[in-house]
């Protein structure tokens, strides 16, 4: 478990975390709640999810993510079979964005 909740992590920090996730084979839970990674950070995390097979829980609550970030995460989820819990509460995702994720 890695808890980085409320650490003022921007999209630059999220990119670095994503880079590490691409090579990590032991982390199961990542909490990034209450940061400011936005769509750029969400897209970077999404790219990591395409290759990461160990992360099962990802909390991106309150990260200023909109439909663009949600779309990137949705695309990654089609390739990732390990992630079972994704928290996107309190972001700027519209009803249409939520529908895309739910597909």
N, C-alpha and C. Protein backbone atom coordinates (compact mmCIF):
# COMPACT_ATOMS: atom_id res chain seq x y z
N UNK A 1 0.85 -1.18 0.00
CA UNK A 1 0.00 0.00 0.00
C UNK A 1 0.89 1.24 0.00
N UNK A 2 0.57 2.16 -0.92
CA UNK A 2 1.27 3.45 -0.96
C UNK A 2 0.21 4.54 -0.86
N UNK A 3 0.25 5.30 0.25
CA UNK A 3 -0.73 6.34 0.49
C UNK A 3 -0.07 7.70 0.29
N UNK A 4 -0.42 8.37 -0.80
CA UNK A 4 0.10 9.70 -1.11
C UNK A 4 -1.02 10.73 -1.11
N UNK A 5 -2.02 10.49 -0.28
CA UNK A 5 -3.20 11.34 -0.20
C UNK A 5 -2.81 12.76 0.22
N UNK A 6 -3.39 13.75 -0.45
CA UNK A 6 -3.25 15.17 -0.11
C UNK A 6 -1.79 15.59 0.01
N UNK A 7 -1.02 15.34 -1.05
CA UNK A 7 0.39 15.73 -1.08
C UNK A 7 0.68 16.76 -2.16
N UNK A 8 -0.34 17.41 -2.67
CA UNK A 8 -0.18 18.43 -3.71
C UNK A 8 0.57 17.90 -4.94
N UNK A 9 0.31 16.65 -5.28
CA UNK A 9 0.95 16.03 -6.44
C UNK A 9 0.28 16.55 -7.70
N UNK A 10 1.07 17.14 -8.57
CA UNK A 10 0.56 17.68 -9.84
C UNK A 10 0.71 16.63 -10.93
N UNK A 11 0.42 17.04 -12.16
CA UNK A 11 0.56 16.11 -13.28
C UNK A 11 2.01 15.67 -13.45
N UNK A 12 2.96 16.52 -13.09
CA UNK A 12 4.38 16.12 -13.19
C UNK A 12 4.70 15.00 -12.22
N UNK A 13 4.21 15.10 -11.01
CA UNK A 13 4.41 14.03 -10.03
C UNK A 13 3.70 12.76 -10.45
N UNK A 14 2.50 12.93 -11.00
CA UNK A 14 1.74 11.76 -11.46
C UNK A 14 2.48 11.04 -12.59
N UNK A 15 3.14 11.81 -13.46
CA UNK A 15 3.92 11.20 -14.54
C UNK A 15 5.06 10.35 -13.97
N UNK A 16 5.68 10.85 -12.92
CA UNK A 16 6.78 10.09 -12.30
C UNK A 16 6.26 8.83 -11.61
N UNK A 17 5.13 8.95 -10.96
CA UNK A 17 4.52 7.78 -10.32
C UNK A 17 4.14 6.76 -11.39
N UNK A 18 3.58 7.24 -12.49
CA UNK A 18 3.19 6.35 -13.59
C UNK A 18 4.41 5.63 -14.15
N UNK A 19 5.50 6.33 -14.29
CA UNK A 19 6.72 5.71 -14.79
C UNK A 19 7.17 4.57 -13.87
N UNK A 20 7.08 4.79 -12.58
CA UNK A 20 7.45 3.75 -11.61
C UNK A 20 6.47 2.58 -11.67
N UNK A 21 5.19 2.88 -11.85
CA UNK A 21 4.18 1.82 -11.92
C UNK A 21 4.41 0.87 -13.09
N UNK A 22 4.96 1.38 -14.16
CA UNK A 22 5.21 0.55 -15.34
C UNK A 22 6.20 -0.57 -15.04
N UNK A 23 7.05 -0.36 -14.05
CA UNK A 23 8.09 -1.34 -13.74
C UNK A 23 7.88 -2.03 -12.40
N UNK A 24 6.82 -1.66 -11.70
CA UNK A 24 6.58 -2.21 -10.37
C UNK A 24 5.78 -3.50 -10.46
N UNK A 25 6.20 -4.49 -9.71
CA UNK A 25 5.47 -5.77 -9.72
C UNK A 25 5.03 -6.21 -8.32
N UNK A 26 4.93 -5.25 -7.40
CA UNK A 26 4.53 -5.64 -6.05
C UNK A 26 3.44 -4.75 -5.43
N UNK A 27 3.31 -3.51 -5.86
CA UNK A 27 2.33 -2.60 -5.27
C UNK A 27 0.92 -3.03 -5.62
N UNK A 28 0.07 -3.15 -4.60
CA UNK A 28 -1.31 -3.58 -4.80
C UNK A 28 -2.30 -2.42 -4.70
N UNK A 29 -2.00 -1.44 -3.84
CA UNK A 29 -2.92 -0.33 -3.61
C UNK A 29 -2.18 1.00 -3.68
N UNK A 30 -2.77 1.95 -4.42
CA UNK A 30 -2.20 3.29 -4.55
C UNK A 30 -3.30 4.31 -4.28
N UNK A 31 -3.06 5.17 -3.29
CA UNK A 31 -4.02 6.20 -2.93
C UNK A 31 -3.44 7.56 -3.31
N UNK A 32 -4.04 8.18 -4.32
CA UNK A 32 -3.64 9.52 -4.76
C UNK A 32 -4.76 10.52 -4.53
N UNK A 33 -5.66 10.22 -3.61
CA UNK A 33 -6.82 11.06 -3.32
C UNK A 33 -6.38 12.47 -2.90
N UNK A 34 -7.11 13.47 -3.38
CA UNK A 34 -6.91 14.84 -2.92
C UNK A 34 -5.66 15.51 -3.46
N UNK A 35 -5.23 15.10 -4.62
CA UNK A 35 -4.09 15.76 -5.26
C UNK A 35 -4.60 16.56 -6.46
N UNK A 36 -3.74 17.02 -7.32
CA UNK A 36 -4.15 17.82 -8.47
C UNK A 36 -3.49 17.33 -9.74
N UNK A 37 -3.63 16.05 -10.00
CA UNK A 37 -2.98 15.47 -11.17
C UNK A 37 -3.70 15.83 -12.47
N UNK A 38 -4.99 16.05 -12.42
CA UNK A 38 -5.76 16.43 -13.60
C UNK A 38 -5.75 15.38 -14.70
N UNK A 39 -6.16 15.79 -15.88
CA UNK A 39 -6.25 14.88 -17.02
C UNK A 39 -4.89 14.38 -17.48
N UNK A 40 -3.89 15.25 -17.43
CA UNK A 40 -2.55 14.84 -17.86
C UNK A 40 -2.02 13.75 -16.94
N UNK A 41 -2.19 13.93 -15.65
CA UNK A 41 -1.75 12.90 -14.70
C UNK A 41 -2.55 11.62 -14.84
N UNK A 42 -3.86 11.75 -15.04
CA UNK A 42 -4.71 10.56 -15.21
C UNK A 42 -4.31 9.80 -16.47
N UNK A 43 -3.98 10.53 -17.52
CA UNK A 43 -3.54 9.87 -18.76
C UNK A 43 -2.22 9.15 -18.58
N UNK A 44 -1.32 9.73 -17.80
CA UNK A 44 -0.04 9.08 -17.53
C UNK A 44 -0.26 7.81 -16.71
N UNK A 45 -1.12 7.89 -15.71
CA UNK A 45 -1.44 6.71 -14.90
C UNK A 45 -2.10 5.65 -15.78
N UNK A 46 -2.96 6.09 -16.69
CA UNK A 46 -3.63 5.15 -17.59
C UNK A 46 -2.62 4.39 -18.44
N UNK A 47 -1.62 5.07 -18.94
CA UNK A 47 -0.58 4.40 -19.74
C UNK A 47 0.13 3.34 -18.90
N UNK A 48 0.37 3.64 -17.64
CA UNK A 48 1.01 2.67 -16.76
C UNK A 48 0.11 1.46 -16.51
N UNK A 49 -1.19 1.71 -16.41
CA UNK A 49 -2.13 0.61 -16.16
C UNK A 49 -2.17 -0.38 -17.33
N UNK A 50 -1.80 0.08 -18.49
CA UNK A 50 -1.80 -0.82 -19.66
C UNK A 50 -0.77 -1.94 -19.51
N UNK A 51 0.27 -1.70 -18.72
CA UNK A 51 1.33 -2.71 -18.55
C UNK A 51 1.44 -3.25 -17.13
N UNK A 52 0.94 -2.51 -16.14
CA UNK A 52 1.01 -2.95 -14.76
C UNK A 52 -0.03 -4.04 -14.51
N UNK A 53 0.39 -5.12 -13.89
CA UNK A 53 -0.52 -6.25 -13.64
C UNK A 53 -0.77 -6.51 -12.16
N UNK A 54 -0.15 -5.73 -11.26
CA UNK A 54 -0.27 -6.04 -9.84
C UNK A 54 -1.19 -5.09 -9.09
N UNK A 55 -1.36 -3.86 -9.57
CA UNK A 55 -2.18 -2.89 -8.86
C UNK A 55 -3.64 -3.31 -8.91
N UNK A 56 -4.26 -3.45 -7.75
CA UNK A 56 -5.67 -3.85 -7.71
C UNK A 56 -6.59 -2.72 -7.26
N UNK A 57 -6.04 -1.74 -6.53
CA UNK A 57 -6.85 -0.64 -6.03
C UNK A 57 -6.17 0.68 -6.35
N UNK A 58 -6.91 1.59 -6.98
CA UNK A 58 -6.40 2.91 -7.33
C UNK A 58 -7.42 3.96 -6.93
N UNK A 59 -7.00 4.88 -6.06
CA UNK A 59 -7.88 5.95 -5.60
C UNK A 59 -7.43 7.26 -6.23
N UNK A 60 -8.23 7.78 -7.15
CA UNK A 60 -7.97 9.06 -7.79
C UNK A 60 -9.05 10.08 -7.44
N UNK A 61 -9.67 9.90 -6.30
CA UNK A 61 -10.72 10.82 -5.86
C UNK A 61 -10.16 12.24 -5.73
N UNK A 62 -10.94 13.23 -6.14
CA UNK A 62 -10.58 14.65 -5.99
C UNK A 62 -9.24 14.98 -6.63
N UNK A 63 -9.11 14.73 -7.92
CA UNK A 63 -7.88 15.02 -8.64
C UNK A 63 -8.10 15.90 -9.87
N UNK A 64 -9.21 16.59 -9.94
CA UNK A 64 -9.52 17.49 -11.06
C UNK A 64 -9.48 16.77 -12.41
N UNK A 65 -9.99 15.56 -12.43
CA UNK A 65 -10.03 14.76 -13.65
C UNK A 65 -11.37 15.00 -14.35
N UNK A 66 -11.32 15.26 -15.66
CA UNK A 66 -12.54 15.46 -16.44
C UNK A 66 -12.77 14.26 -17.35
N UNK A 67 -13.64 14.43 -18.33
CA UNK A 67 -13.94 13.35 -19.27
C UNK A 67 -12.70 12.89 -20.04
N UNK A 68 -11.77 13.80 -20.32
CA UNK A 68 -10.56 13.42 -21.06
C UNK A 68 -9.74 12.41 -20.27
N UNK A 69 -9.54 12.67 -19.01
CA UNK A 69 -8.80 11.71 -18.17
C UNK A 69 -9.57 10.41 -18.00
N UNK A 70 -10.88 10.54 -17.87
CA UNK A 70 -11.71 9.34 -17.74
C UNK A 70 -11.64 8.47 -18.98
N UNK A 71 -11.59 9.11 -20.15
CA UNK A 71 -11.49 8.36 -21.40
C UNK A 71 -10.17 7.60 -21.47
N UNK A 72 -9.09 8.24 -21.06
CA UNK A 72 -7.78 7.57 -21.05
C UNK A 72 -7.79 6.38 -20.10
N UNK A 73 -8.38 6.55 -18.93
CA UNK A 73 -8.45 5.46 -17.95
C UNK A 73 -9.32 4.32 -18.48
N UNK A 74 -10.40 4.66 -19.16
CA UNK A 74 -11.28 3.64 -19.73
C UNK A 74 -10.54 2.79 -20.75
N UNK A 75 -9.77 3.43 -21.61
CA UNK A 75 -8.99 2.70 -22.61
C UNK A 75 -8.00 1.75 -21.94
N UNK A 76 -7.39 2.21 -20.86
CA UNK A 76 -6.42 1.37 -20.14
C UNK A 76 -7.09 0.17 -19.49
N UNK A 77 -8.30 0.37 -19.00
CA UNK A 77 -9.01 -0.71 -18.31
C UNK A 77 -9.36 -1.87 -19.24
N UNK A 78 -9.43 -1.60 -20.53
CA UNK A 78 -9.71 -2.69 -21.46
C UNK A 78 -8.52 -3.63 -21.57
N UNK A 79 -7.33 -3.15 -21.20
CA UNK A 79 -6.11 -3.96 -21.28
C UNK A 79 -5.66 -4.48 -19.92
N UNK A 80 -6.18 -3.89 -18.85
CA UNK A 80 -5.73 -4.24 -17.51
C UNK A 80 -6.75 -5.16 -16.84
N UNK A 81 -6.30 -6.33 -16.45
CA UNK A 81 -7.19 -7.29 -15.79
C UNK A 81 -7.01 -7.33 -14.28
N UNK A 82 -6.01 -6.62 -13.76
CA UNK A 82 -5.72 -6.69 -12.33
C UNK A 82 -6.45 -5.67 -11.48
N UNK A 83 -6.77 -4.51 -12.06
CA UNK A 83 -7.40 -3.44 -11.28
C UNK A 83 -8.87 -3.79 -11.03
N UNK A 84 -9.23 -3.88 -9.77
CA UNK A 84 -10.61 -4.23 -9.41
C UNK A 84 -11.35 -3.11 -8.70
N UNK A 85 -10.61 -2.09 -8.24
CA UNK A 85 -11.23 -0.99 -7.49
C UNK A 85 -10.63 0.33 -7.96
N UNK A 86 -11.45 1.15 -8.62
CA UNK A 86 -11.03 2.45 -9.11
C UNK A 86 -11.97 3.50 -8.56
N UNK A 87 -11.45 4.43 -7.77
CA UNK A 87 -12.25 5.49 -7.16
C UNK A 87 -12.02 6.79 -7.92
N UNK A 88 -13.06 7.30 -8.56
CA UNK A 88 -12.99 8.56 -9.30
C UNK A 88 -13.99 9.58 -8.75
N UNK A 89 -14.42 9.40 -7.51
CA UNK A 89 -15.38 10.33 -6.91
C UNK A 89 -14.80 11.75 -6.85
N UNK A 90 -15.70 12.71 -6.83
CA UNK A 90 -15.37 14.11 -6.64
C UNK A 90 -14.39 14.64 -7.69
N UNK A 91 -14.57 14.22 -8.93
CA UNK A 91 -13.85 14.77 -10.06
C UNK A 91 -14.85 15.48 -10.96
N UNK A 92 -14.42 15.95 -12.09
CA UNK A 92 -15.29 16.69 -13.01
C UNK A 92 -15.71 15.83 -14.19
N UNK A 93 -16.12 14.62 -13.90
CA UNK A 93 -16.54 13.68 -14.94
C UNK A 93 -18.05 13.79 -15.11
N UNK A 94 -18.48 14.03 -16.34
CA UNK A 94 -19.90 14.20 -16.62
C UNK A 94 -20.60 12.84 -16.65
N UNK A 95 -21.89 12.89 -16.81
CA UNK A 95 -22.68 11.66 -16.92
C UNK A 95 -22.23 10.83 -18.11
N UNK A 96 -21.95 11.48 -19.24
CA UNK A 96 -21.46 10.75 -20.41
C UNK A 96 -20.11 10.10 -20.14
N UNK A 97 -19.24 10.81 -19.45
CA UNK A 97 -17.95 10.24 -19.08
C UNK A 97 -18.10 9.03 -18.18
N UNK A 98 -19.03 9.11 -17.24
CA UNK A 98 -19.29 7.99 -16.34
C UNK A 98 -19.85 6.80 -17.11
N UNK A 99 -20.67 7.07 -18.09
CA UNK A 99 -21.23 5.99 -18.91
C UNK A 99 -20.10 5.26 -19.68
N UNK A 100 -19.15 6.02 -20.18
CA UNK A 100 -18.02 5.43 -20.91
C UNK A 100 -17.22 4.49 -19.99
N UNK A 101 -17.00 4.93 -18.79
CA UNK A 101 -16.24 4.12 -17.82
C UNK A 101 -17.01 2.84 -17.52
N UNK A 102 -18.32 2.96 -17.39
CA UNK A 102 -19.16 1.83 -16.98
C UNK A 102 -19.29 0.75 -18.06
N UNK A 103 -18.95 1.06 -19.29
CA UNK A 103 -19.12 0.08 -20.39
C UNK A 103 -18.31 -1.16 -20.18
